Amino acid sequence: MKICVTSTGENLDADVDPRFGRCKYFLIIDIDSMNVEYFSNDSMMASGGAGIKAAEMIAKKGASVVITGNVGPNAFQTLTAAGIKVITGVTGNINQVIGNFKKGELKEIDAPSVESHFGMGGRRG
């Protein structure tokens, strides 16, 4: 099974990034073999639609589960439409998070955890 974890770095020693659509990196982890593929989030600086674009990319990578700090409504809808389970409220070291996932300690959500545009920060206008 492949899972996707939003990450502040390029490996399992990094922390979970609290944002989905605007995270720095995604780690795709095969939890059976522990093979890891990481890639930068090209949608991080998008002016809009970052969550949707990120969700579409994760679906193409074949992940069954996304683990993150928060996910907005558009990304949540895109992920769940692709059959991907979403787990939010997760913080800390990714190695530990994977251990918690394997033990069944992380729970799937059934609604977005934040409103639209959560990860964009302050707007200038």
PDB file of N, CA and C in Angstrom:
ATOM      1  N   MET A   1       0.847  -1.176   0.000  1.00  0.00           N
ATOM      2  CA  MET A   1       0.000   0.000   0.000  1.00  0.00           C
ATOM      3  C   MET A   1       0.893   1.239   0.000  1.00  0.00           C
ATOM      4  N   LYS A   2       0.523   2.190  -0.852  1.00  0.00           N
ATOM      5  CA  LYS A   2       1.247   3.456  -0.900  1.00  0.00           C
ATOM      6  C   LYS A   2       0.475   4.521  -0.127  1.00  0.00           C
ATOM      7  N   ILE A   3       1.222   5.245   0.702  1.00  0.00           N
ATOM      8  CA  ILE A   3       0.637   6.375   1.395  1.00  0.00           C
ATOM      9  C   ILE A   3       1.407   7.629   1.000  1.00  0.00           C
ATOM     10  N   CYS A   4       0.764   8.764   1.130  1.00  0.00           N
ATOM     11  CA  CYS A   4       1.390  10.048   0.866  1.00  0.00           C
ATOM     12  C   CYS A   4       1.410  10.842   2.166  1.00  0.00           C
ATOM     13  N   VAL A   5       2.581  11.387   2.493  1.00  0.00           N
ATOM     14  CA  VAL A   5       2.702  12.235   3.672  1.00  0.00           C
ATOM     15  C   VAL A   5       3.221  13.592   3.217  1.00  0.00           C
ATOM     16  N   THR A   6       2.559  14.666   3.645  1.00  0.00           N
ATOM     17  CA  THR A   6       3.083  16.005   3.358  1.00  0.00           C
ATOM     18  C   THR A   6       4.294  16.209   4.246  1.00  0.00           C
ATOM     19  N   SER A   7       5.343  16.805   3.677  1.00  0.00           N
ATOM     20  CA  SER A   7       6.616  16.830   4.374  1.00  0.00           C
ATOM     21  C   SER A   7       7.321  18.177   4.280  1.00  0.00           C
ATOM     22  N   THR A   8       8.065  18.502   5.334  1.00  0.00           N
ATOM     23  CA  THR A   8       8.907  19.703   5.331  1.00  0.00           C
ATOM     24  C   THR A   8      10.262  19.424   4.717  1.00  0.00           C
ATOM     25  N   GLY A   9      10.578  18.154   4.453  1.00  0.00           N
ATOM     26  CA  GLY A   9      11.883  17.778   3.899  1.00  0.00           C
ATOM     27  C   GLY A   9      11.774  16.614   2.944  1.00  0.00           C
ATOM     28  N   GLU A  10      12.938  16.144   2.514  1.00  0.00           N
ATOM     29  CA  GLU A  10      13.011  15.154   1.444  1.00  0.00           C
ATOM     30  C   GLU A  10      13.157  13.712   1.917  1.00  0.00           C
ATOM     31  N   ASN A  11      12.971  13.451   3.222  1.00  0.00           N
ATOM     32  CA  ASN A  11      13.138  12.080   3.700  1.00  0.00           C
ATOM     33  C   ASN A  11      12.283  11.823   4.930  1.00  0.00           C
ATOM     34  N   LEU A  12      12.364  10.611   5.449  1.00  0.00           N
ATOM     35  CA  LEU A  12      11.512  10.185   6.554  1.00  0.00           C
ATOM     36  C   LEU A  12      11.880  10.833   7.889  1.00  0.00           C
ATOM     37  N   ASP A  13      13.034  11.499   7.952  1.00  0.00           N
ATOM     38  CA  ASP A  13      13.438  12.184   9.176  1.00  0.00           C
ATOM     39  C   ASP A  13      12.820  13.573   9.294  1.00  0.00           C
ATOM     40  N   ALA A  14      12.156  14.034   8.249  1.00  0.00           N
ATOM     41  CA  ALA A  14      11.511  15.350   8.254  1.00  0.00           C
ATOM     42  C   ALA A  14      10.226  15.291   9.074  1.00  0.00           C
ATOM     43  N   ASP A  15       9.613  16.448   9.252  1.00  0.00           N
ATOM     44  CA  ASP A  15       8.335  16.539   9.947  1.00  0.00           C
ATOM     45  C   ASP A  15       7.192  16.617   8.951  1.00  0.00           C
ATOM     46  N   VAL A  16       6.009  16.267   9.409  1.00  0.00           N
ATOM     47  CA  VAL A  16       4.801  16.410   8.606  1.00  0.00           C
ATOM     48  C   VAL A  16       4.549  17.906   8.387  1.00  0.00           C
ATOM     49  N   ASP A  17       4.336  18.288   7.136  1.00  0.00           N
ATOM     50  CA  ASP A  17       3.980  19.674   6.828  1.00  0.00           C
ATOM     51  C   ASP A  17       2.509  19.859   7.193  1.00  0.00           C
ATOM     52  N   PRO A  18       2.168  20.958   7.884  1.00  0.00           N
ATOM     53  CA  PRO A  18       0.782  21.131   8.314  1.00  0.00           C
ATOM     54  C   PRO A  18      -0.201  21.450   7.194  1.00  0.00           C
ATOM     55  N   ARG A  19       0.304  21.735   5.987  1.00  0.00           N
ATOM     56  CA  ARG A  19      -0.574  22.092   4.866  1.00  0.00           C
ATOM     57  C   ARG A  19      -0.528  21.000   3.816  1.00  0.00           C
ATOM     58  N   PHE A  20      -1.646  20.746   3.167  1.00  0.00           N
ATOM     59  CA  PHE A  20      -1.651  19.787   2.065  1.00  0.00           C
ATOM     60  C   PHE A  20      -1.293  20.465   0.751  1.00  0.00           C
ATOM     61  N   GLY A  21      -2.143  21.314   0.255  1.00  0.00           N
ATOM     62  CA  GLY A  21      -1.957  21.896  -1.076  1.00  0.00           C
ATOM     63  C   GLY A  21      -0.731  22.774  -1.216  1.00  0.00           C
ATOM     64  N   ARG A  22      -0.233  23.294  -0.119  1.00  0.00           N
ATOM     65  CA  ARG A  22       0.919  24.193  -0.159  1.00  0.00           C
ATOM     66  C   ARG A  22       2.097  23.676   0.666  1.00  0.00           C
ATOM     67  N   CYS A  23       2.158  22.360   0.843  1.00  0.00           N
ATOM     68  CA  CYS A  23       3.298  21.776   1.547  1.00  0.00           C
ATOM     69  C   CYS A  23       4.557  21.909   0.691  1.00  0.00           C
ATOM     70  N   LYS A  24       5.719  21.747   1.312  1.00  0.00           N
ATOM     71  CA  LYS A  24       6.977  21.821   0.556  1.00  0.00           C
ATOM     72  C   LYS A  24       7.189  20.579  -0.305  1.00  0.00           C
ATOM     73  N   TYR A  25       7.004  19.411   0.308  1.00  0.00           N
ATOM     74  CA  TYR A  25       7.263  18.145  -0.376  1.00  0.00           C
ATOM     75  C   TYR A  25       6.146  17.150  -0.104  1.00  0.00           C
ATOM     76  N   PHE A  26       6.058  16.169  -0.993  1.00  0.00           N
ATOM     77  CA  PHE A  26       5.237  14.993  -0.773  1.00  0.00           C
ATOM     78  C   PHE A  26       6.165  13.792  -0.724  1.00  0.00           C
ATOM     79  N   LEU A  27       5.947  12.919   0.239  1.00  0.00           N
ATOM     80  CA  LEU A  27       6.641  11.640   0.275  1.00  0.00           C
ATOM     81  C   LEU A  27       5.616  10.567  -0.044  1.00  0.00           C
ATOM     82  N   ILE A  28       5.903   9.747  -1.034  1.00  0.00           N
ATOM     83  CA  ILE A  28       5.067   8.585  -1.344  1.00  0.00           C
ATOM     84  C   ILE A  28       5.823   7.383  -0.787  1.00  0.00           C
ATOM     85  N   ILE A  29       5.202   6.707   0.153  1.00  0.00           N
ATOM     86  CA  ILE A  29       5.864   5.628   0.874  1.00  0.00           C
ATOM     87  C   ILE A  29       5.090   4.337   0.670  1.00  0.00           C
ATOM     88  N   ASP A  30       5.791   3.308   0.198  1.00  0.00           N
ATOM     89  CA  ASP A  30       5.215   1.963   0.149  1.00  0.00           C
ATOM     90  C   ASP A  30       5.432   1.381   1.540  1.00  0.00           C
ATOM     91  N   ILE A  31       4.377   1.270   2.330  1.00  0.00           N
ATOM     92  CA  ILE A  31       4.570   0.898   3.729  1.00  0.00           C
ATOM     93  C   ILE A  31       4.949  -0.571   3.920  1.00  0.00           C
ATOM     94  N   ASP A  32       4.851  -1.369   2.875  1.00  0.00           N
ATOM     95  CA  ASP A  32       5.295  -2.756   2.978  1.00  0.00           C
ATOM     96  C   ASP A  32       6.803  -2.864   2.776  1.00  0.00           C
ATOM     97  N   SER A  33       7.326  -2.193   1.763  1.00  0.00           N
ATOM     98  CA  SER A  33       8.756  -2.256   1.464  1.00  0.00           C
ATOM     99  C   SER A  33       9.536  -1.089   2.059  1.00  0.00           C
ATOM    100  N   MET A  34       8.823  -0.023   2.454  1.00  0.00           N
ATOM    101  CA  MET A  34       9.397   1.225   2.964  1.00  0.00           C
ATOM    102  C   MET A  34      10.223   1.967   1.904  1.00  0.00           C
ATOM    103  N   ASN A  35       9.943   1.662   0.625  1.00  0.00           N
ATOM    104  CA  ASN A  35      10.527   2.463  -0.447  1.00  0.00           C
ATOM    105  C   ASN A  35       9.878   3.837  -0.419  1.00  0.00           C
ATOM    106  N   VAL A  36      10.700   4.879  -0.608  1.00  0.00           N
ATOM    107  CA  VAL A  36      10.220   6.255  -0.513  1.00  0.00           C
ATOM    108  C   VAL A  36      10.543   6.991  -1.803  1.00  0.00           C
ATOM    109  N   GLU A  37       9.550   7.685  -2.317  1.00  0.00           N
ATOM    110  CA  GLU A  37       9.725   8.596  -3.449  1.00  0.00           C
ATOM    111  C   GLU A  37       9.323   9.973  -2.938  1.00  0.00           C
ATOM    112  N   TYR A  38      10.179  10.961  -3.158  1.00  0.00           N
ATOM    113  CA  TYR A  38       9.793  12.304  -2.737  1.00  0.00           C
ATOM    114  C   TYR A  38       9.792  13.215  -3.950  1.00  0.00           C
ATOM    115  N   PHE A  39       8.972  14.246  -3.880  1.00  0.00           N
ATOM    116  CA  PHE A  39       8.975  15.252  -4.929  1.00  0.00           C
ATOM    117  C   PHE A  39       8.477  16.571  -4.373  1.00  0.00           C
ATOM    118  N   SER A  40       9.011  17.644  -4.949  1.00  0.00           N
ATOM    119  CA  SER A  40       8.585  18.991  -4.559  1.00  0.00           C
ATOM    120  C   SER A  40       7.152  19.210  -4.990  1.00  0.00           C
ATOM    121  N   ASN A  41       6.466  20.037  -4.251  1.00  0.00           N
ATOM    122  CA  ASN A  41       5.084  20.371  -4.570  1.00  0.00           C
ATOM    123  C   ASN A  41       5.075  21.536  -5.544  1.00  0.00           C
ATOM    124  N   ASP A  42       4.861  21.267  -6.804  1.00  0.00           N
ATOM    125  CA  ASP A  42       4.837  22.309  -7.834  1.00  0.00           C
ATOM    126  C   ASP A  42       3.684  23.284  -7.646  1.00  0.00           C
ATOM    127  N   SER A  43       2.678  22.902  -6.887  1.00  0.00           N
ATOM    128  CA  SER A  43       1.505  23.754  -6.675  1.00  0.00           C
ATOM    129  C   SER A  43       1.669  24.710  -5.493  1.00  0.00           C
ATOM    130  N   MET A  44       2.769  24.584  -4.769  1.00  0.00           N
ATOM    131  CA  MET A  44       2.960  25.333  -3.532  1.00  0.00           C
ATOM    132  C   MET A  44       2.749  26.837  -3.700  1.00  0.00           C
ATOM    133  N   MET A  45       3.209  27.414  -4.779  1.00  0.00           N
ATOM    134  CA  MET A  45       3.128  28.855  -4.980  1.00  0.00           C
ATOM    135  C   MET A  45       2.018  29.263  -5.950  1.00  0.00           C
ATOM    136  N   ALA A  46       1.146  28.346  -6.294  1.00  0.00           N
ATOM    137  CA  ALA A  46       0.061  28.659  -7.234  1.00  0.00           C
ATOM    138  C   ALA A  46      -0.846  29.741  -6.658  1.00  0.00           C
ATOM    139  N   SER A  47      -1.364  30.577  -7.528  1.00  0.00           N
ATOM    140  CA  SER A  47      -2.251  31.642  -7.057  1.00  0.00           C
ATOM    141  C   SER A  47      -3.626  31.104  -6.660  1.00  0.00           C
ATOM    142  N   GLY A  48      -3.973  29.953  -7.138  1.00  0.00           N
ATOM    143  CA  GLY A  48      -5.243  29.321  -6.798  1.00  0.00           C
ATOM    144  C   GLY A  48      -5.252  27.878  -7.262  1.00  0.00           C
ATOM    145  N   GLY A  49      -6.094  27.073  -6.665  1.00  0.00           N
ATOM    146  CA  GLY A  49      -6.244  25.681  -7.082  1.00  0.00           C
ATOM    147  C   GLY A  49      -5.117  24.762  -6.649  1.00  0.00           C
ATOM    148  N   ALA A  50      -4.301  25.193  -5.684  1.00  0.00           N
ATOM    149  CA  ALA A  50      -3.154  24.389  -5.265  1.00  0.00           C
ATOM    150  C   ALA A  50      -3.584  23.028  -4.719  1.00  0.00           C
ATOM    151  N   GLY A  51      -4.631  23.008  -3.914  1.00  0.00           N
ATOM    152  CA  GLY A  51      -5.083  21.755  -3.325  1.00  0.00           C
ATOM    153  C   GLY A  51      -5.588  20.768  -4.355  1.00  0.00           C
ATOM    154  N   ILE A  52      -6.323  21.263  -5.327  1.00  0.00           N
ATOM    155  CA  ILE A  52      -6.849  20.404  -6.386  1.00  0.00           C
ATOM    156  C   ILE A  52      -5.711  19.834  -7.216  1.00  0.00           C
ATOM    157  N   LYS A  53      -4.775  20.695  -7.626  1.00  0.00           N
ATOM    158  CA  LYS A  53      -3.632  20.235  -8.435  1.00  0.00           C
ATOM    159  C   LYS A  53      -2.805  19.207  -7.677  1.00  0.00           C
ATOM    160  N   ALA A  54      -2.559  19.481  -6.391  1.00  0.00           N
ATOM    161  CA  ALA A  54      -1.788  18.542  -5.577  1.00  0.00           C
ATOM    162  C   ALA A  54      -2.525  17.213  -5.436  1.00  0.00           C
ATOM    163  N   ALA A  55      -3.824  17.267  -5.201  1.00  0.00           N
ATOM    164  CA  ALA A  55      -4.614  16.043  -5.054  1.00  0.00           C
ATOM    165  C   ALA A  55      -4.601  15.210  -6.331  1.00  0.00           C
ATOM    166  N   GLU A  56      -4.714  15.868  -7.467  1.00  0.00           N
ATOM    167  CA  GLU A  56      -4.668  15.153  -8.747  1.00  0.00           C
ATOM    168  C   GLU A  56      -3.321  14.461  -8.934  1.00  0.00           C
ATOM    169  N   MET A  57      -2.240  15.131  -8.545  1.00  0.00           N
ATOM    170  CA  MET A  57      -0.911  14.542  -8.682  1.00  0.00           C
ATOM    171  C   MET A  57      -0.757  13.323  -7.762  1.00  0.00           C
ATOM    172  N   ILE A  58      -1.264  13.432  -6.547  1.00  0.00           N
ATOM    173  CA  ILE A  58      -1.180  12.314  -5.603  1.00  0.00           C
ATOM    174  C   ILE A  58      -1.977  11.121  -6.123  1.00  0.00           C
ATOM    175  N   ALA A  59      -3.131  11.373  -6.705  1.00  0.00           N
ATOM    176  CA  ALA A  59      -3.930  10.288  -7.280  1.00  0.00           C
ATOM    177  C   ALA A  59      -3.156   9.586  -8.394  1.00  0.00           C
ATOM    178  N   LYS A  60      -2.473  10.354  -9.235  1.00  0.00           N
ATOM    179  CA  LYS A  60      -1.682   9.758 -10.324  1.00  0.00           C
ATOM    180  C   LYS A  60      -0.527   8.910  -9.800  1.00  0.00           C
ATOM    181  N   LYS A  61      -0.020   9.242  -8.619  1.00  0.00           N
ATOM    182  CA  LYS A  61       1.092   8.492  -8.022  1.00  0.00           C
ATOM    183  C   LYS A  61       0.628   7.192  -7.380  1.00  0.00           C
ATOM    184  N   GLY A  62      -0.687   6.999  -7.265  1.00  0.00           N
ATOM    185  CA  GLY A  62      -1.212   5.731  -6.768  1.00  0.00           C
ATOM    186  C   GLY A  62      -1.319   5.604  -5.259  1.00  0.00           C
ATOM    187  N   ALA A  63      -1.320   6.725  -4.546  1.00  0.00           N
ATOM    188  CA  ALA A  63      -1.462   6.658  -3.086  1.00  0.00           C
ATOM    189  C   ALA A  63      -2.894   6.290  -2.710  1.00  0.00           C
ATOM    190  N   SER A  64      -3.036   5.506  -1.653  1.00  0.00           N
ATOM    191  CA  SER A  64      -4.349   5.117  -1.137  1.00  0.00           C
ATOM    192  C   SER A  64      -4.776   5.977   0.033  1.00  0.00           C
ATOM    193  N   VAL A  65      -3.791   6.606   0.690  1.00  0.00           N
ATOM    194  CA  VAL A  65      -4.026   7.394   1.896  1.00  0.00           C
ATOM    195  C   VAL A  65      -3.155   8.635   1.840  1.00  0.00           C
ATOM    196  N   VAL A  66      -3.690   9.763   2.313  1.00  0.00           N
ATOM    197  CA  VAL A  66      -2.912  10.986   2.505  1.00  0.00           C
ATOM    198  C   VAL A  66      -2.891  11.285   3.995  1.00  0.00           C
ATOM    199  N   ILE A  67      -1.692  11.560   4.516  1.00  0.00           N
ATOM    200  CA  ILE A  67      -1.517  11.948   5.911  1.00  0.00           C
ATOM    201  C   ILE A  67      -0.938  13.357   5.920  1.00  0.00           C
ATOM    202  N   THR A  68      -1.611  14.271   6.619  1.00  0.00           N
ATOM    203  CA  THR A  68      -1.205  15.670   6.623  1.00  0.00           C
ATOM    204  C   THR A  68      -1.691  16.356   7.894  1.00  0.00           C
ATOM    205  N   GLY A  69      -1.321  17.626   8.019  1.00  0.00           N
ATOM    206  CA  GLY A  69      -1.828  18.412   9.132  1.00  0.00           C
ATOM    207  C   GLY A  69      -3.259  18.846   8.879  1.00  0.00           C
ATOM    208  N   ASN A  70      -3.481  19.461   7.713  1.00  0.00           N
ATOM    209  CA  ASN A  70      -4.799  19.991   7.366  1.00  0.00           C
ATOM    210  C   ASN A  70      -5.060  19.824   5.877  1.00  0.00           C
ATOM    211  N   VAL A  71      -6.335  19.767   5.518  1.00  0.00           N
ATOM    212  CA  VAL A  71      -6.733  19.706   4.117  1.00  0.00           C
ATOM    213  C   VAL A  71      -8.000  20.536   3.940  1.00  0.00           C
ATOM    214  N   GLY A  72      -8.013  21.327   2.875  1.00  0.00           N
ATOM    215  CA  GLY A  72      -9.171  22.164   2.589  1.00  0.00           C
ATOM    216  C   GLY A  72     -10.247  21.426   1.815  1.00  0.00           C
ATOM    217  N   PRO A  73     -11.392  22.085   1.595  1.00  0.00           N
ATOM    218  CA  PRO A  73     -12.541  21.418   0.979  1.00  0.00           C
ATOM    219  C   PRO A  73     -12.318  20.971  -0.463  1.00  0.00           C
ATOM    220  N   ASN A  74     -11.641  21.763  -1.272  1.00  0.00           N
ATOM    221  CA  ASN A  74     -11.445  21.379  -2.683  1.00  0.00           C
ATOM    222  C   ASN A  74     -10.503  20.189  -2.799  1.00  0.00           C
ATOM    223  N   ALA A  75      -9.407  20.226  -2.049  1.00  0.00           N
ATOM    224  CA  ALA A  75      -8.478  19.092  -2.067  1.00  0.00           C
ATOM    225  C   ALA A  75      -9.142  17.854  -1.499  1.00  0.00           C
ATOM    226  N   PHE A  76      -9.893  18.017  -0.406  1.00  0.00           N
ATOM    227  CA  PHE A  76     -10.579  16.884   0.216  1.00  0.00           C
ATOM    228  C   PHE A  76     -11.533  16.230  -0.777  1.00  0.00           C
ATOM    229  N   GLN A  77     -12.308  17.032  -1.465  1.00  0.00           N
ATOM    230  CA  GLN A  77     -13.271  16.504  -2.435  1.00  0.00           C
ATOM    231  C   GLN A  77     -12.550  15.772  -3.566  1.00  0.00           C
ATOM    232  N   THR A  78     -11.449  16.341  -4.058  1.00  0.00           N
ATOM    233  CA  THR A  78     -10.695  15.714  -5.145  1.00  0.00           C
ATOM    234  C   THR A  78     -10.079  14.399  -4.692  1.00  0.00           C
ATOM    235  N   LEU A  79      -9.506  14.380  -3.505  1.00  0.00           N
ATOM    236  CA  LEU A  79      -8.889  13.153  -2.978  1.00  0.00           C
ATOM    237  C   LEU A  79      -9.930  12.058  -2.769  1.00  0.00           C
ATOM    238  N   THR A  80     -11.021  12.385  -2.112  1.00  0.00           N
ATOM    239  CA  THR A  80     -12.024  11.357  -1.834  1.00  0.00           C
ATOM    240  C   THR A  80     -12.709  10.869  -3.107  1.00  0.00           C
ATOM    241  N   ALA A  81     -12.873  11.753  -4.095  1.00  0.00           N
ATOM    242  CA  ALA A  81     -13.446  11.328  -5.377  1.00  0.00           C
ATOM    243  C   ALA A  81     -12.534  10.316  -6.067  1.00  0.00           C
ATOM    244  N   ALA A  82     -11.226  10.409  -5.796  1.00  0.00           N
ATOM    245  CA  ALA A  82     -10.264   9.462  -6.366  1.00  0.00           C
ATOM    246  C   ALA A  82     -10.119   8.209  -5.506  1.00  0.00           C
ATOM    247  N   GLY A  83     -10.910   8.115  -4.429  1.00  0.00           N
ATOM    248  CA  GLY A  83     -10.860   6.939  -3.571  1.00  0.00           C
ATOM    249  C   GLY A  83      -9.726   6.959  -2.560  1.00  0.00           C
ATOM    250  N   ILE A  84      -9.158   8.133  -2.313  1.00  0.00           N
ATOM    251  CA  ILE A  84      -8.032   8.260  -1.384  1.00  0.00           C
ATOM    252  C   ILE A  84      -8.558   8.661  -0.011  1.00  0.00           C
ATOM    253  N   LYS A  85      -8.149   7.916   1.005  1.00  0.00           N
ATOM    254  CA  LYS A  85      -8.524   8.230   2.382  1.00  0.00           C
ATOM    255  C   LYS A  85      -7.655   9.382   2.877  1.00  0.00           C
ATOM    256  N   VAL A  86      -8.213  10.228   3.733  1.00  0.00           N
ATOM    257  CA  VAL A  86      -7.511  11.402   4.226  1.00  0.00           C
ATOM    258  C   VAL A  86      -7.439  11.356   5.748  1.00  0.00           C
ATOM    259  N   ILE A  87      -6.234  11.568   6.262  1.00  0.00           N
ATOM    260  CA  ILE A  87      -5.989  11.626   7.703  1.00  0.00           C
ATOM    261  C   ILE A  87      -5.358  12.981   7.994  1.00  0.00           C
ATOM    262  N   THR A  88      -5.963  13.760   8.890  1.00  0.00           N
ATOM    263  CA  THR A  88      -5.431  15.078   9.237  1.00  0.00           C
ATOM    264  C   THR A  88      -5.152  15.155  10.742  1.00  0.00           C
ATOM    265  N   GLY A  89      -4.643  16.327  11.145  1.00  0.00           N
ATOM    266  CA  GLY A  89      -4.332  16.546  12.548  1.00  0.00           C
ATOM    267  C   GLY A  89      -3.027  15.902  12.967  1.00  0.00           C
ATOM    268  N   VAL A  90      -2.205  15.536  11.987  1.00  0.00           N
ATOM    269  CA  VAL A  90      -0.979  14.800  12.260  1.00  0.00           C
ATOM    270  C   VAL A  90       0.204  15.772  12.299  1.00  0.00           C
ATOM    271  N   THR A  91       1.044  15.622  13.292  1.00  0.00           N
ATOM    272  CA  THR A  91       2.248  16.426  13.438  1.00  0.00           C
ATOM    273  C   THR A  91       3.420  15.518  13.799  1.00  0.00           C
ATOM    274  N   GLY A  92       4.622  16.071  13.713  1.00  0.00           N
ATOM    275  CA  GLY A  92       5.796  15.354  14.192  1.00  0.00           C
ATOM    276  C   GLY A  92       6.591  14.669  13.102  1.00  0.00           C
ATOM    277  N   ASN A  93       7.533  13.871  13.552  1.00  0.00           N
ATOM    278  CA  ASN A  93       8.472  13.154  12.692  1.00  0.00           C
ATOM    279  C   ASN A  93       7.759  12.103  11.848  1.00  0.00           C
ATOM    280  N   ILE A  94       8.081  12.063  10.569  1.00  0.00           N
ATOM    281  CA  ILE A  94       7.387  11.162   9.638  1.00  0.00           C
ATOM    282  C   ILE A  94       7.635   9.698   9.979  1.00  0.00           C
ATOM    283  N   ASN A  95       8.838   9.326  10.397  1.00  0.00           N
ATOM    284  CA  ASN A  95       9.089   7.938  10.810  1.00  0.00           C
ATOM    285  C   ASN A  95       8.118   7.507  11.905  1.00  0.00           C
ATOM    286  N   GLN A  96       7.927   8.369  12.896  1.00  0.00           N
ATOM    287  CA  GLN A  96       7.013   8.055  13.995  1.00  0.00           C
ATOM    288  C   GLN A  96       5.571   8.009  13.509  1.00  0.00           C
ATOM    289  N   VAL A  97       5.224   8.916  12.615  1.00  0.00           N
ATOM    290  CA  VAL A  97       3.871   8.956  12.064  1.00  0.00           C
ATOM    291  C   VAL A  97       3.547   7.655  11.322  1.00  0.00           C
ATOM    292  N   ILE A  98       4.503   7.165  10.555  1.00  0.00           N
ATOM    293  CA  ILE A  98       4.292   5.908   9.824  1.00  0.00           C
ATOM    294  C   ILE A  98       4.080   4.757  10.812  1.00  0.00           C
ATOM    295  N   GLY A  99       4.855   4.738  11.890  1.00  0.00           N
ATOM    296  CA  GLY A  99       4.661   3.728  12.923  1.00  0.00           C
ATOM    297  C   GLY A  99       3.267   3.792  13.515  1.00  0.00           C
ATOM    298  N   ASN A 100       2.807   5.014  13.785  1.00  0.00           N
ATOM    299  CA  ASN A 100       1.456   5.193  14.326  1.00  0.00           C
ATOM    300  C   ASN A 100       0.398   4.735  13.325  1.00  0.00           C
ATOM    301  N   PHE A 101       0.630   5.009  12.042  1.00  0.00           N
ATOM    302  CA  PHE A 101      -0.304   4.567  11.002  1.00  0.00           C
ATOM    303  C   PHE A 101      -0.376   3.044  10.957  1.00  0.00           C
ATOM    304  N   LYS A 102       0.769   2.402  10.979  1.00  0.00           N
ATOM    305  CA  LYS A 102       0.807   0.941  10.920  1.00  0.00           C
ATOM    306  C   LYS A 102       0.110   0.302  12.119  1.00  0.00           C
ATOM    307  N   LYS A 103       0.143   0.974  13.262  1.00  0.00           N
ATOM    308  CA  LYS A 103      -0.517   0.463  14.469  1.00  0.00           C
ATOM    309  C   LYS A 103      -2.016   0.771  14.480  1.00  0.00           C
ATOM    310  N   GLY A 104      -2.489   1.502  13.467  1.00  0.00           N
ATOM    311  CA  GLY A 104      -3.907   1.835  13.397  1.00  0.00           C
ATOM    312  C   GLY A 104      -4.303   2.986  14.299  1.00  0.00           C
ATOM    313  N   GLU A 105      -3.337   3.803  14.704  1.00  0.00           N
ATOM    314  CA  GLU A 105      -3.613   4.892  15.643  1.00  0.00           C
ATOM    315  C   GLU A 105      -4.069   6.187  14.967  1.00  0.00           C
ATOM    316  N   LEU A 106      -4.016   6.251  13.640  1.00  0.00           N
ATOM    317  CA  LEU A 106      -4.446   7.447  12.916  1.00  0.00           C
ATOM    318  C   LEU A 106      -5.794   7.180  12.277  1.00  0.00           C
ATOM    319  N   LYS A 107      -6.689   8.136  12.389  1.00  0.00           N
ATOM    320  CA  LYS A 107      -8.061   7.921  11.931  1.00  0.00           C
ATOM    321  C   LYS A 107      -8.413   8.790  10.726  1.00  0.00           C
ATOM    322  N   GLU A 108      -9.076   8.168   9.781  1.00  0.00           N
ATOM    323  CA  GLU A 108      -9.568   8.842   8.572  1.00  0.00           C
ATOM    324  C   GLU A 108     -10.621   9.878   8.940  1.00  0.00           C
ATOM    325  N   ILE A 109     -10.642  10.985   8.199  1.00  0.00           N
ATOM    326  CA  ILE A 109     -11.658  12.014   8.417  1.00  0.00           C
ATOM    327  C   ILE A 109     -12.734  11.899   7.338  1.00  0.00           C
ATOM    328  N   ASP A 110     -13.889  12.534   7.580  1.00  0.00           N
ATOM    329  CA  ASP A 110     -14.969  12.501   6.594  1.00  0.00           C
ATOM    330  C   ASP A 110     -15.390  13.895   6.152  1.00  0.00           C
ATOM    331  N   ALA A 111     -14.559  14.904   6.492  1.00  0.00           N
ATOM    332  CA  ALA A 111     -14.820  16.281   6.078  1.00  0.00           C
ATOM    333  C   ALA A 111     -13.501  17.044   6.105  1.00  0.00           C
ATOM    334  N   PRO A 112     -13.388  18.132   5.339  1.00  0.00           N
ATOM    335  CA  PRO A 112     -12.150  18.915   5.361  1.00  0.00           C
ATOM    336  C   PRO A 112     -11.865  19.449   6.762  1.00  0.00           C
ATOM    337  N   SER A 113     -10.601  19.696   7.055  1.00  0.00           N
ATOM    338  CA  SER A 113     -10.230  20.156   8.392  1.00  0.00           C
ATOM    339  C   SER A 113     -10.091  21.672   8.483  1.00  0.00           C
ATOM    340  N   VAL A 114     -10.022  22.349   7.344  1.00  0.00           N
ATOM    341  CA  VAL A 114      -9.907  23.812   7.311  1.00  0.00           C
ATOM    342  C   VAL A 114     -10.729  24.354   6.157  1.00  0.00           C
ATOM    343  N   GLU A 115     -10.907  25.674   6.144  1.00  0.00           N
ATOM    344  CA  GLU A 115     -11.637  26.328   5.063  1.00  0.00           C
ATOM    345  C   GLU A 115     -10.730  26.523   3.845  1.00  0.00           C
ATOM    346  N   SER A 116     -11.319  26.937   2.738  1.00  0.00           N
ATOM    347  CA  SER A 116     -10.560  27.223   1.518  1.00  0.00           C
ATOM    348  C   SER A 116      -9.478  28.255   1.791  1.00  0.00           C
ATOM    349  N   HIS A 117      -8.372  28.132   1.089  1.00  0.00           N
ATOM    350  CA  HIS A 117      -7.258  29.088   1.117  1.00  0.00           C
ATOM    351  C   HIS A 117      -6.533  29.149   2.452  1.00  0.00           C
ATOM    352  N   PHE A 118      -6.644  28.109   3.271  1.00  0.00           N
ATOM    353  CA  PHE A 118      -6.011  28.072   4.587  1.00  0.00           C
ATOM    354  C   PHE A 118      -4.500  28.285   4.508  1.00  0.00           C
ATOM    355  N   GLY A 119      -3.829  27.618   3.605  1.00  0.00           N
ATOM    356  CA  GLY A 119      -2.367  27.644   3.559  1.00  0.00           C
ATOM    357  C   GLY A 119      -1.749  28.820   2.841  1.00  0.00           C
ATOM    358  N   MET A 120      -2.565  29.767   2.391  1.00  0.00           N
ATOM    359  CA  MET A 120      -2.031  30.859   1.593  1.00  0.00           C
ATOM    360  C   MET A 120      -1.374  31.953   2.412  1.00  0.00           C
ATOM    361  N   GLY A 121      -1.649  32.040   3.693  1.00  0.00           N
ATOM    362  CA  GLY A 121      -1.074  33.113   4.507  1.00  0.00           C
ATOM    363  C   GLY A 121      -1.747  34.427   4.200  1.00  0.00           C
ATOM    364  N   GLY A 122      -1.122  35.501   4.626  1.00  0.00           N
ATOM    365  CA  GLY A 122      -1.702  36.824   4.423  1.00  0.00           C
ATOM    366  C   GLY A 122      -1.736  37.235   2.966  1.00  0.00           C
ATOM    367  N   ARG A 123      -2.768  37.909   2.593  1.00  0.00           N
ATOM    368  CA  ARG A 123      -2.891  38.391   1.218  1.00  0.00           C
ATOM    369  C   ARG A 123      -2.553  39.860   1.171  1.00  0.00           C
ATOM    370  N   ARG A 124      -1.919  40.255   0.110  1.00  0.00           N
ATOM    371  CA  ARG A 124      -1.600  41.665  -0.099  1.00  0.00           C
ATOM    372  C   ARG A 124      -2.485  42.178  -1.195  1.00  0.00           C
ATOM    373  N   GLY A 125      -2.973  43.352  -1.026  1.00  0.00           N
ATOM    374  CA  GLY A 125      -3.857  43.808  -2.058  1.00  0.00           C
ATOM    375  C   GLY A 125      -3.795  45.252  -2.181  1.00  0.00           C
TER     376      GLY A 125
END
